Amino acid sequence: MASKSSSLMLVFFVLLQMLLSTIQSKPTTRTFKIFQSLQGCHKGHTVEGLCELKQYFKKLGYLNYDHASNNAYKHGNDNEFDDHLESAIKAYQVNYKLNATGNLDADTVKQMMKSRCGIADVMNSNNSRSIYGIGASRYEFFLGNPKWPLSKTHLTYNFRSSVEVPLAENVRSVCVRAFQRWANVSRFTFEEVAEYYVADIEIGFHSGEHGDGNPFDGPQGTLAHASPPTDGKLHYDADEDWSTNPGPDEVDLESVTVHEIGHLLGLQHSLVPEAVMYAYFDSGMIKRKLHMDDVHGIRALYGLL
């Protein structure tokens, strides 16, 4: 009898774990499936799911109906493939070196389904990006070029998470190495302080809605996000499969951390795929060393070139 009860309990816990896993992964999985189902759509189509595609491009800064005419504004949440959506897709395709058709082709959907940083690509209302550079450099700054005051070169940080994760103990050493990479090419120094101090930078793991208006979406999709100076917030999605030595389906914590610190210091996404500040991350990829594009960007922002 005891053996039968134990078996039933084991089955119960296995089923519960499967259910929790399904619930956890649902948001991103559902969105990706919608993107796949929309492949081949183009202007003039009315298809279920296009409203979620519009929300995706709105989140990344490519689509904004708020400044459109009253007639166009009402299309912000419908399923019509209109001129605004076509323009948004074209801008996205140009940025990521895809064929700029404005159609939702296979290559575009494939790019959209990669994991990435949650910070928007476009920060202004006319679908353009403020691109700077020296030679092949294609670094960018946030709108208005926010940065830390020139007198503020020593930045403190601490850790405040709302969710426990297996790598919580490793994140300290990861952050030390990641901060040092930026310290080596700038005037900044970084120091961890106790949790009860008001630090310049607050780092933490969170899940779903976590109070900053930018909810995480479960495994894959958005990996992390960070605020520009001087807000100082770096948030990781706790539902990702983080690792310090990633396998093919895992996310390298240090690579993402180096990227997000770039945002904390004032760099936007780069158009150079090899740069740390490139928006997308392939699973299992390790990209911890700063590219010259990243170095030129941080030095240009703080007048070190």
C-alpha atoms as a PDB file:
ATOM      1  CA  MET A   1       0.000   0.000   0.000  1.00  0.00           C
ATOM      2  CA  ALA A   2       2.836   2.376   0.927  1.00  0.00           C
ATOM      3  CA  SER A   3       4.568   1.561  -2.350  1.00  0.00           C
ATOM      4  CA  LYS A   4       1.396   2.367  -4.299  1.00  0.00           C
ATOM      5  CA  SER A   5       1.015   5.704  -2.471  1.00  0.00           C
ATOM      6  CA  SER A   6       4.631   6.579  -3.190  1.00  0.00           C
ATOM      7  CA  SER A   7       4.142   5.800  -6.871  1.00  0.00           C
ATOM      8  CA  LEU A   8       1.034   7.978  -7.028  1.00  0.00           C
ATOM      9  CA  MET A   9       2.865  10.832  -5.329  1.00  0.00           C
ATOM     10  CA  LEU A  10       5.752  10.506  -7.782  1.00  0.00           C
ATOM     11  CA  VAL A  11       3.365  10.603 -10.735  1.00  0.00           C
ATOM     12  CA  PHE A  12       1.653  13.652  -9.221  1.00  0.00           C
ATOM     13  CA  PHE A  13       4.903  15.580  -8.839  1.00  0.00           C
ATOM     14  CA  VAL A  14       6.059  14.659 -12.364  1.00  0.00           C
ATOM     15  CA  LEU A  15       2.745  15.867 -13.818  1.00  0.00           C
ATOM     16  CA  LEU A  16       2.896  19.032 -11.712  1.00  0.00           C
ATOM     17  CA  GLN A  17       6.410  19.779 -12.958  1.00  0.00           C
ATOM     18  CA  MET A  18       5.308  19.274 -16.557  1.00  0.00           C
ATOM     19  CA  LEU A  19       2.358  21.619 -16.015  1.00  0.00           C
ATOM     20  CA  LEU A  20       4.528  24.317 -14.435  1.00  0.00           C
ATOM     21  CA  SER A  21       7.041  24.000 -17.259  1.00  0.00           C
ATOM     22  CA  THR A  22       4.252  24.414 -19.830  1.00  0.00           C
ATOM     23  CA  ILE A  23       2.845  27.464 -18.055  1.00  0.00           C
ATOM     24  CA  GLN A  24       6.287  29.004 -17.714  1.00  0.00           C
ATOM     25  CA  SER A  25       7.214  28.641 -21.379  1.00  0.00           C
ATOM     26  CA  LYS A  26       3.800  29.489 -22.803  1.00  0.00           C
ATOM     27  CA  PRO A  27       4.163  33.259 -23.524  1.00  0.00           C
ATOM     28  CA  THR A  28       7.259  33.067 -25.735  1.00  0.00           C
ATOM     29  CA  THR A  29       6.307  29.743 -27.313  1.00  0.00           C
ATOM     30  CA  ARG A  30       2.850  31.046 -28.228  1.00  0.00           C
ATOM     31  CA  THR A  31       4.276  34.257 -29.697  1.00  0.00           C
ATOM     32  CA  PHE A  32       6.838  32.376 -31.772  1.00  0.00           C
ATOM     33  CA  LYS A  33       4.152  30.037 -33.091  1.00  0.00           C
ATOM     34  CA  ILE A  34       2.097  33.057 -34.128  1.00  0.00           C
ATOM     35  CA  PHE A  35       5.102  34.519 -35.958  1.00  0.00           C
ATOM     36  CA  GLN A  36       5.579  31.219 -37.784  1.00  0.00           C
ATOM     37  CA  SER A  37       1.906  31.116 -38.746  1.00  0.00           C
ATOM     38  CA  LEU A  38       2.147  34.645 -40.174  1.00  0.00           C
ATOM     39  CA  GLN A  39       5.087  33.841 -42.452  1.00  0.00           C
ATOM     40  CA  GLY A  40       4.320  35.026 -45.977  1.00  0.00           C
ATOM     41  CA  CYS A  41       1.951  37.821 -44.912  1.00  0.00           C
ATOM     42  CA  HIS A  42       2.212  41.180 -46.639  1.00  0.00           C
ATOM     43  CA  LYS A  43       0.402  44.477 -46.963  1.00  0.00           C
ATOM     44  CA  GLY A  44      -3.292  44.095 -47.643  1.00  0.00           C
ATOM     45  CA  HIS A  45      -3.691  40.882 -45.642  1.00  0.00           C
ATOM     46  CA  THR A  46      -5.998  40.617 -42.650  1.00  0.00           C
ATOM     47  CA  VAL A  47      -4.856  37.665 -40.541  1.00  0.00           C
ATOM     48  CA  GLU A  48      -5.430  36.616 -36.943  1.00  0.00           C
ATOM     49  CA  GLY A  49      -2.259  37.313 -34.961  1.00  0.00           C
ATOM     50  CA  LEU A  50      -1.081  40.428 -36.805  1.00  0.00           C
ATOM     51  CA  CYS A  51      -2.081  42.507 -33.762  1.00  0.00           C
ATOM     52  CA  GLU A  52       0.559  40.624 -31.735  1.00  0.00           C
ATOM     53  CA  LEU A  53       3.113  41.189 -34.489  1.00  0.00           C
ATOM     54  CA  LYS A  54       2.366  44.910 -34.217  1.00  0.00           C
ATOM     55  CA  GLN A  55       2.953  44.765 -30.456  1.00  0.00           C
ATOM     56  CA  TYR A  56       6.324  43.088 -31.069  1.00  0.00           C
ATOM     57  CA  PHE A  57       7.496  45.841 -33.412  1.00  0.00           C
ATOM     58  CA  LYS A  58       6.053  48.511 -31.125  1.00  0.00           C
ATOM     59  CA  LYS A  59       8.087  47.102 -28.212  1.00  0.00           C
ATOM     60  CA  LEU A  60      11.276  47.233 -30.318  1.00  0.00           C
ATOM     61  CA  GLY A  61      10.573  50.826 -31.343  1.00  0.00           C
ATOM     62  CA  TYR A  62       9.763  50.262 -35.015  1.00  0.00           C
ATOM     63  CA  LEU A  63       6.018  50.889 -34.882  1.00  0.00           C
ATOM     64  CA  ASN A  64       4.209  53.781 -33.247  1.00  0.00           C
ATOM     65  CA  TYR A  65       0.576  54.552 -33.986  1.00  0.00           C
ATOM     66  CA  ASP A  66       0.434  57.232 -31.274  1.00  0.00           C
ATOM     67  CA  HIS A  67       1.605  59.907 -33.726  1.00  0.00           C
ATOM     68  CA  ALA A  68      -0.429  58.605 -36.657  1.00  0.00           C
ATOM     69  CA  SER A  69      -3.654  60.117 -37.992  1.00  0.00           C
ATOM     70  CA  ASN A  70      -6.905  59.217 -36.249  1.00  0.00           C
ATOM     71  CA  ASN A  71      -7.752  56.827 -39.063  1.00  0.00           C
ATOM     72  CA  ALA A  72      -4.408  55.018 -38.746  1.00  0.00           C
ATOM     73  CA  TYR A  73      -4.385  55.103 -34.923  1.00  0.00           C
ATOM     74  CA  LYS A  74      -7.307  52.669 -34.707  1.00  0.00           C
ATOM     75  CA  HIS A  75      -5.251  50.040 -36.565  1.00  0.00           C
ATOM     76  CA  GLY A  76      -2.714  49.751 -33.745  1.00  0.00           C
ATOM     77  CA  ASN A  77      -4.506  46.757 -32.221  1.00  0.00           C
ATOM     78  CA  ASP A  78      -6.205  45.162 -35.207  1.00  0.00           C
ATOM     79  CA  ASN A  79      -5.162  42.352 -37.557  1.00  0.00           C
ATOM     80  CA  GLU A  80      -4.703  44.422 -40.707  1.00  0.00           C
ATOM     81  CA  PHE A  81      -1.328  44.483 -42.471  1.00  0.00           C
ATOM     82  CA  ASP A  82      -1.219  48.220 -43.219  1.00  0.00           C
ATOM     83  CA  ASP A  83       1.342  50.730 -44.495  1.00  0.00           C
ATOM     84  CA  HIS A  84       2.696  51.388 -40.999  1.00  0.00           C
ATOM     85  CA  LEU A  85       3.414  47.714 -40.352  1.00  0.00           C
ATOM     86  CA  GLU A  86       5.071  47.345 -43.761  1.00  0.00           C
ATOM     87  CA  SER A  87       7.342  50.325 -43.016  1.00  0.00           C
ATOM     88  CA  ALA A  88       8.212  48.902 -39.595  1.00  0.00           C
ATOM     89  CA  ILE A  89       9.170  45.535 -41.077  1.00  0.00           C
ATOM     90  CA  LYS A  90      11.277  47.222 -43.769  1.00  0.00           C
ATOM     91  CA  ALA A  91      13.189  49.220 -41.143  1.00  0.00           C
ATOM     92  CA  TYR A  92      13.781  46.044 -39.133  1.00  0.00           C
ATOM     93  CA  GLN A  93      14.964  44.193 -42.248  1.00  0.00           C
ATOM     94  CA  VAL A  94      17.381  46.987 -43.141  1.00  0.00           C
ATOM     95  CA  ASN A  95      18.862  46.993 -39.631  1.00  0.00           C
ATOM     96  CA  TYR A  96      19.472  43.259 -39.657  1.00  0.00           C
ATOM     97  CA  LYS A  97      20.703  43.070 -43.248  1.00  0.00           C
ATOM     98  CA  LEU A  98      17.667  41.196 -44.558  1.00  0.00           C
ATOM     99  CA  ASN A  99      15.954  41.653 -47.903  1.00  0.00           C
ATOM    100  CA  ALA A 100      13.907  44.836 -47.289  1.00  0.00           C
ATOM    101  CA  THR A 101      10.609  43.810 -48.842  1.00  0.00           C
ATOM    102  CA  GLY A 102       8.277  44.804 -46.026  1.00  0.00           C
ATOM    103  CA  ASN A 103       6.848  41.291 -46.222  1.00  0.00           C
ATOM    104  CA  LEU A 104       7.048  38.778 -43.387  1.00  0.00           C
ATOM    105  CA  ASP A 105       9.316  36.312 -45.203  1.00  0.00           C
ATOM    106  CA  ALA A 106      11.086  33.244 -43.799  1.00  0.00           C
ATOM    107  CA  ASP A 107      14.399  35.005 -43.067  1.00  0.00           C
ATOM    108  CA  THR A 108      12.643  37.791 -41.169  1.00  0.00           C
ATOM    109  CA  VAL A 109      10.653  35.349 -39.039  1.00  0.00           C
ATOM    110  CA  LYS A 110      13.818  33.361 -38.328  1.00  0.00           C
ATOM    111  CA  GLN A 111      15.566  36.531 -37.092  1.00  0.00           C
ATOM    112  CA  MET A 112      12.595  37.520 -34.933  1.00  0.00           C
ATOM    113  CA  MET A 113      12.568  34.153 -33.195  1.00  0.00           C
ATOM    114  CA  LYS A 114      16.118  34.511 -31.876  1.00  0.00           C
ATOM    115  CA  SER A 115      16.676  35.434 -28.236  1.00  0.00           C
ATOM    116  CA  ARG A 116      17.648  39.047 -27.653  1.00  0.00           C
ATOM    117  CA  CYS A 117      18.027  41.964 -25.292  1.00  0.00           C
ATOM    118  CA  GLY A 118      14.739  43.636 -24.403  1.00  0.00           C
ATOM    119  CA  ILE A 119      15.912  47.197 -25.087  1.00  0.00           C
ATOM    120  CA  ALA A 120      14.309  48.735 -28.165  1.00  0.00           C
ATOM    121  CA  ASP A 121      16.343  49.192 -31.357  1.00  0.00           C
ATOM    122  CA  VAL A 122      14.704  52.455 -32.422  1.00  0.00           C
ATOM    123  CA  MET A 123      14.329  55.297 -29.944  1.00  0.00           C
ATOM    124  CA  ASN A 124      12.688  58.003 -32.060  1.00  0.00           C
ATOM    125  CA  SER A 125       9.399  58.477 -33.890  1.00  0.00           C
ATOM    126  CA  ASN A 126      10.532  58.303 -37.520  1.00  0.00           C
ATOM    127  CA  ASN A 127      11.905  54.738 -37.611  1.00  0.00           C
ATOM    128  CA  SER A 128      15.500  55.892 -37.908  1.00  0.00           C
ATOM    129  CA  ARG A 129      18.539  55.237 -35.766  1.00  0.00           C
ATOM    130  CA  SER A 130      21.252  57.696 -34.762  1.00  0.00           C
ATOM    131  CA  ILE A 131      24.267  55.810 -36.078  1.00  0.00           C
ATOM    132  CA  TYR A 132      27.807  56.952 -35.375  1.00  0.00           C
ATOM    133  CA  GLY A 133      31.106  55.360 -36.174  1.00  0.00           C
ATOM    134  CA  ILE A 134      34.709  55.376 -37.224  1.00  0.00           C
ATOM    135  CA  GLY A 135      35.399  53.306 -40.312  1.00  0.00           C
ATOM    136  CA  ALA A 136      33.459  50.072 -39.919  1.00  0.00           C
ATOM    137  CA  SER A 137      32.101  51.005 -36.462  1.00  0.00           C
ATOM    138  CA  ARG A 138      28.314  51.244 -36.183  1.00  0.00           C
ATOM    139  CA  TYR A 139      27.768  52.020 -32.509  1.00  0.00           C
ATOM    140  CA  GLU A 140      24.752  53.975 -31.275  1.00  0.00           C
ATOM    141  CA  PHE A 141      23.668  56.043 -28.290  1.00  0.00           C
ATOM    142  CA  PHE A 142      20.296  56.427 -26.624  1.00  0.00           C
ATOM    143  CA  LEU A 143      18.093  59.335 -27.678  1.00  0.00           C
ATOM    144  CA  GLY A 144      19.506  62.466 -26.083  1.00  0.00           C
ATOM    145  CA  ASN A 145      22.870  60.798 -25.409  1.00  0.00           C
ATOM    146  CA  PRO A 146      22.273  60.185 -21.666  1.00  0.00           C
ATOM    147  CA  LYS A 147      25.471  59.436 -19.774  1.00  0.00           C
ATOM    148  CA  TRP A 148      26.935  59.520 -16.298  1.00  0.00           C
ATOM    149  CA  PRO A 149      28.299  62.921 -15.227  1.00  0.00           C
ATOM    150  CA  LEU A 150      31.965  63.324 -16.087  1.00  0.00           C
ATOM    151  CA  SER A 151      32.700  63.642 -12.364  1.00  0.00           C
ATOM    152  CA  LYS A 152      30.989  60.320 -11.671  1.00  0.00           C
ATOM    153  CA  THR A 153      33.533  57.684 -12.675  1.00  0.00           C
ATOM    154  CA  HIS A 154      33.254  55.322  -9.684  1.00  0.00           C
ATOM    155  CA  LEU A 155      29.969  53.397  -9.843  1.00  0.00           C
ATOM    156  CA  THR A 156      28.635  51.142  -7.088  1.00  0.00           C
ATOM    157  CA  TYR A 157      26.339  48.171  -7.612  1.00  0.00           C
ATOM    158  CA  ASN A 158      24.429  45.626  -5.565  1.00  0.00           C
ATOM    159  CA  PHE A 159      22.061  42.696  -6.056  1.00  0.00           C
ATOM    160  CA  ARG A 160      18.320  42.615  -5.420  1.00  0.00           C
ATOM    161  CA  SER A 161      16.380  39.737  -6.987  1.00  0.00           C
ATOM    162  CA  SER A 162      12.719  38.826  -6.612  1.00  0.00           C
ATOM    163  CA  VAL A 163      13.332  35.247  -7.798  1.00  0.00           C
ATOM    164  CA  GLU A 164      15.881  32.664  -6.708  1.00  0.00           C
ATOM    165  CA  VAL A 165      17.970  31.102  -9.475  1.00  0.00           C
ATOM    166  CA  PRO A 166      20.652  28.362  -9.393  1.00  0.00           C
ATOM    167  CA  LEU A 167      23.358  30.759 -10.615  1.00  0.00           C
ATOM    168  CA  ALA A 168      22.789  33.368  -7.900  1.00  0.00           C
ATOM    169  CA  GLU A 169      26.175  32.668  -6.313  1.00  0.00           C
ATOM    170  CA  ASN A 170      28.008  32.795  -9.652  1.00  0.00           C
ATOM    171  CA  VAL A 171      26.562  36.135 -10.746  1.00  0.00           C
ATOM    172  CA  ARG A 172      28.942  38.064  -8.465  1.00  0.00           C
ATOM    173  CA  SER A 173      32.089  36.735 -10.100  1.00  0.00           C
ATOM    174  CA  VAL A 174      30.472  37.084 -13.523  1.00  0.00           C
ATOM    175  CA  CYS A 175      29.711  40.753 -12.849  1.00  0.00           C
ATOM    176  CA  VAL A 176      33.235  41.444 -11.584  1.00  0.00           C
ATOM    177  CA  ARG A 177      34.687  40.168 -14.866  1.00  0.00           C
ATOM    178  CA  ALA A 178      32.051  41.899 -17.005  1.00  0.00           C
ATOM    179  CA  PHE A 179      32.490  45.282 -15.300  1.00  0.00           C
ATOM    180  CA  GLN A 180      36.258  44.982 -15.609  1.00  0.00           C
ATOM    181  CA  ARG A 181      36.008  44.622 -19.391  1.00  0.00           C
ATOM    182  CA  TRP A 182      34.378  48.065 -19.568  1.00  0.00           C
ATOM    183  CA  ALA A 183      36.709  49.522 -16.929  1.00  0.00           C
ATOM    184  CA  ASN A 184      39.676  48.513 -19.104  1.00  0.00           C
ATOM    185  CA  VAL A 185      38.537  50.754 -21.979  1.00  0.00           C
ATOM    186  CA  SER A 186      37.021  53.693 -20.079  1.00  0.00           C
ATOM    187  CA  ARG A 187      37.510  55.867 -17.016  1.00  0.00           C
ATOM    188  CA  PHE A 188      34.986  53.904 -14.969  1.00  0.00           C
ATOM    189  CA  THR A 189      35.672  51.804 -11.897  1.00  0.00           C
ATOM    190  CA  PHE A 190      33.051  49.588 -10.258  1.00  0.00           C
ATOM    191  CA  GLU A 191      32.507  48.352  -6.723  1.00  0.00           C
ATOM    192  CA  GLU A 192      29.953  46.016  -5.171  1.00  0.00           C
ATOM    193  CA  VAL A 193      28.257  47.339  -2.030  1.00  0.00           C
ATOM    194  CA  ALA A 194      25.907  45.704   0.467  1.00  0.00           C
ATOM    195  CA  GLU A 195      22.239  45.263  -0.394  1.00  0.00           C
ATOM    196  CA  TYR A 196      21.102  47.865   2.151  1.00  0.00           C
ATOM    197  CA  TYR A 197      23.105  50.648   0.447  1.00  0.00           C
ATOM    198  CA  VAL A 198      21.603  52.831  -2.280  1.00  0.00           C
ATOM    199  CA  ALA A 199      23.852  51.808  -5.154  1.00  0.00           C
ATOM    200  CA  ASP A 200      24.256  53.473  -8.530  1.00  0.00           C
ATOM    201  CA  ILE A 201      23.366  50.171 -10.225  1.00  0.00           C
ATOM    202  CA  GLU A 202      20.922  47.514  -9.038  1.00  0.00           C
ATOM    203  CA  ILE A 203      21.196  43.996 -10.517  1.00  0.00           C
ATOM    204  CA  GLY A 204      18.658  41.215 -10.151  1.00  0.00           C
ATOM    205  CA  PHE A 205      16.787  38.194 -11.500  1.00  0.00           C
ATOM    206  CA  HIS A 206      13.052  38.585 -12.059  1.00  0.00           C
ATOM    207  CA  SER A 207      10.201  36.719 -13.717  1.00  0.00           C
ATOM    208  CA  GLY A 208       7.236  37.984 -15.735  1.00  0.00           C
ATOM    209  CA  GLU A 209       5.867  41.313 -14.556  1.00  0.00           C
ATOM    210  CA  HIS A 210       8.370  42.742 -12.079  1.00  0.00           C
ATOM    211  CA  GLY A 211       7.418  46.369 -11.607  1.00  0.00           C
ATOM    212  CA  ASP A 212       9.299  48.287 -14.300  1.00  0.00           C
ATOM    213  CA  GLY A 213       6.661  48.166 -17.029  1.00  0.00           C
ATOM    214  CA  ASN A 214       8.730  45.728 -19.125  1.00  0.00           C
ATOM    215  CA  PRO A 215       7.566  42.220 -18.188  1.00  0.00           C
ATOM    216  CA  PHE A 216       9.670  39.231 -19.121  1.00  0.00           C
ATOM    217  CA  ASP A 217       8.203  36.611 -21.433  1.00  0.00           C
ATOM    218  CA  GLY A 218       9.461  33.259 -20.146  1.00  0.00           C
ATOM    219  CA  PRO A 219      12.182  31.107 -21.728  1.00  0.00           C
ATOM    220  CA  GLN A 220      13.830  32.513 -24.878  1.00  0.00           C
ATOM    221  CA  GLY A 221      12.553  35.752 -26.353  1.00  0.00           C
ATOM    222  CA  THR A 222      13.756  38.583 -24.108  1.00  0.00           C
ATOM    223  CA  LEU A 223      16.802  37.565 -22.039  1.00  0.00           C
ATOM    224  CA  ALA A 224      17.465  40.737 -20.050  1.00  0.00           C
ATOM    225  CA  HIS A 225      17.216  44.508 -20.135  1.00  0.00           C
ATOM    226  CA  ALA A 226      19.008  47.462 -18.599  1.00  0.00           C
ATOM    227  CA  SER A 227      18.260  51.156 -18.291  1.00  0.00           C
ATOM    228  CA  PRO A 228      20.362  53.993 -19.711  1.00  0.00           C
ATOM    229  CA  PRO A 229      22.206  56.383 -17.394  1.00  0.00           C
ATOM    230  CA  THR A 230      21.555  57.276 -14.713  1.00  0.00           C
ATOM    231  CA  ASP A 231      18.664  55.000 -13.755  1.00  0.00           C
ATOM    232  CA  GLY A 232      20.974  52.037 -13.145  1.00  0.00           C
ATOM    233  CA  LYS A 233      18.771  48.936 -13.366  1.00  0.00           C
ATOM    234  CA  LEU A 234      19.917  45.595 -14.840  1.00  0.00           C
ATOM    235  CA  HIS A 235      17.310  42.824 -14.889  1.00  0.00           C
ATOM    236  CA  TYR A 236      17.770  39.208 -16.015  1.00  0.00           C
ATOM    237  CA  ASP A 237      14.832  36.983 -16.965  1.00  0.00           C
ATOM    238  CA  ALA A 238      14.942  34.286 -14.269  1.00  0.00           C
ATOM    239  CA  ASP A 239      13.152  31.820 -16.555  1.00  0.00           C
ATOM    240  CA  GLU A 240      16.060  31.520 -18.979  1.00  0.00           C
ATOM    241  CA  ASP A 241      18.416  28.537 -18.931  1.00  0.00           C
ATOM    242  CA  TRP A 242      21.420  30.517 -17.713  1.00  0.00           C
ATOM    243  CA  SER A 243      24.927  29.068 -17.584  1.00  0.00           C
ATOM    244  CA  THR A 244      28.532  30.163 -17.056  1.00  0.00           C
ATOM    245  CA  ASN A 245      29.635  27.445 -19.488  1.00  0.00           C
ATOM    246  CA  PRO A 246      26.706  27.198 -21.898  1.00  0.00           C
ATOM    247  CA  GLY A 247      25.675  24.159 -23.855  1.00  0.00           C
ATOM    248  CA  PRO A 248      23.850  24.423 -27.203  1.00  0.00           C
ATOM    249  CA  ASP A 249      20.490  25.343 -25.624  1.00  0.00           C
ATOM    250  CA  GLU A 250      21.751  27.533 -22.783  1.00  0.00           C
ATOM    251  CA  VAL A 251      22.413  31.268 -22.401  1.00  0.00           C
ATOM    252  CA  ASP A 252      25.824  32.563 -21.371  1.00  0.00           C
ATOM    253  CA  LEU A 253      25.309  34.777 -18.327  1.00  0.00           C
ATOM    254  CA  GLU A 254      28.569  36.652 -18.780  1.00  0.00           C
ATOM    255  CA  SER A 255      27.984  37.525 -22.445  1.00  0.00           C
ATOM    256  CA  VAL A 256      24.573  38.993 -21.639  1.00  0.00           C
ATOM    257  CA  THR A 257      25.973  40.828 -18.606  1.00  0.00           C
ATOM    258  CA  VAL A 258      28.720  42.526 -20.642  1.00  0.00           C
ATOM    259  CA  HIS A 259      26.044  43.606 -23.145  1.00  0.00           C
ATOM    260  CA  GLU A 260      23.679  44.998 -20.516  1.00  0.00           C
ATOM    261  CA  ILE A 261      26.466  46.941 -18.785  1.00  0.00           C
ATOM    262  CA  GLY A 262      26.987  48.692 -22.113  1.00  0.00           C
ATOM    263  CA  HIS A 263      23.394  49.953 -21.842  1.00  0.00           C
ATOM    264  CA  LEU A 264      23.956  51.023 -18.233  1.00  0.00           C
ATOM    265  CA  LEU A 265      26.849  53.179 -19.449  1.00  0.00           C
ATOM    266  CA  GLY A 266      24.870  54.719 -22.322  1.00  0.00           C
ATOM    267  CA  LEU A 267      25.415  52.570 -25.413  1.00  0.00           C
ATOM    268  CA  GLN A 268      22.476  51.513 -27.581  1.00  0.00           C
ATOM    269  CA  HIS A 269      22.424  48.464 -29.849  1.00  0.00           C
ATOM    270  CA  SER A 270      25.108  48.188 -32.501  1.00  0.00           C
ATOM    271  CA  LEU A 271      24.535  47.126 -36.089  1.00  0.00           C
ATOM    272  CA  VAL A 272      27.770  45.107 -36.076  1.00  0.00           C
ATOM    273  CA  PRO A 273      26.903  41.405 -35.500  1.00  0.00           C
ATOM    274  CA  GLU A 274      30.310  40.728 -33.913  1.00  0.00           C
ATOM    275  CA  ALA A 275      29.920  43.554 -31.373  1.00  0.00           C
ATOM    276  CA  VAL A 276      28.949  42.873 -27.776  1.00  0.00           C
ATOM    277  CA  MET A 277      26.214  45.500 -28.194  1.00  0.00           C
ATOM    278  CA  TYR A 278      24.489  43.621 -31.043  1.00  0.00           C
ATOM    279  CA  ALA A 279      20.913  42.940 -29.901  1.00  0.00           C
ATOM    280  CA  TYR A 280      20.605  39.203 -30.598  1.00  0.00           C
ATOM    281  CA  PHE A 281      22.164  36.159 -28.933  1.00  0.00           C
ATOM    282  CA  ASP A 282      22.326  32.680 -30.449  1.00  0.00           C
ATOM    283  CA  SER A 283      21.843  29.843 -27.960  1.00  0.00           C
ATOM    284  CA  GLY A 284      25.139  28.538 -26.619  1.00  0.00           C
ATOM    285  CA  MET A 285      27.011  31.583 -27.949  1.00  0.00           C
ATOM    286  CA  ILE A 286      29.857  33.101 -25.937  1.00  0.00           C
ATOM    287  CA  LYS A 287      30.627  36.743 -26.768  1.00  0.00           C
ATOM    288  CA  ARG A 288      32.370  38.307 -23.765  1.00  0.00           C
ATOM    289  CA  LYS A 289      35.210  40.289 -25.324  1.00  0.00           C
ATOM    290  CA  LEU A 290      34.531  43.853 -26.404  1.00  0.00           C
ATOM    291  CA  HIS A 291      34.690  44.490 -30.147  1.00  0.00           C
ATOM    292  CA  MET A 292      36.363  47.675 -31.418  1.00  0.00           C
ATOM    293  CA  ASP A 293      32.870  48.940 -32.228  1.00  0.00           C
ATOM    294  CA  ASP A 294      32.016  48.720 -28.512  1.00  0.00           C
ATOM    295  CA  VAL A 295      35.304  50.366 -27.519  1.00  0.00           C
ATOM    296  CA  HIS A 296      34.900  53.225 -29.987  1.00  0.00           C
ATOM    297  CA  GLY A 297      31.323  53.723 -28.817  1.00  0.00           C
ATOM    298  CA  ILE A 298      32.041  54.072 -25.103  1.00  0.00           C
ATOM    299  CA  ARG A 299      35.070  56.275 -25.735  1.00  0.00           C
ATOM    300  CA  ALA A 300      33.159  58.524 -28.133  1.00  0.00           C
ATOM    301  CA  LEU A 301      30.276  58.931 -25.687  1.00  0.00           C
ATOM    302  CA  TYR A 302      32.589  60.066 -22.899  1.00  0.00           C
ATOM    303  CA  GLY A 303      34.991  62.142 -25.030  1.00  0.00           C
ATOM    304  CA  LEU A 304      37.931  59.748 -24.905  1.00  0.00           C
ATOM    305  CA  LEU A 305      38.619  59.478 -28.642  1.00  0.00           C
END
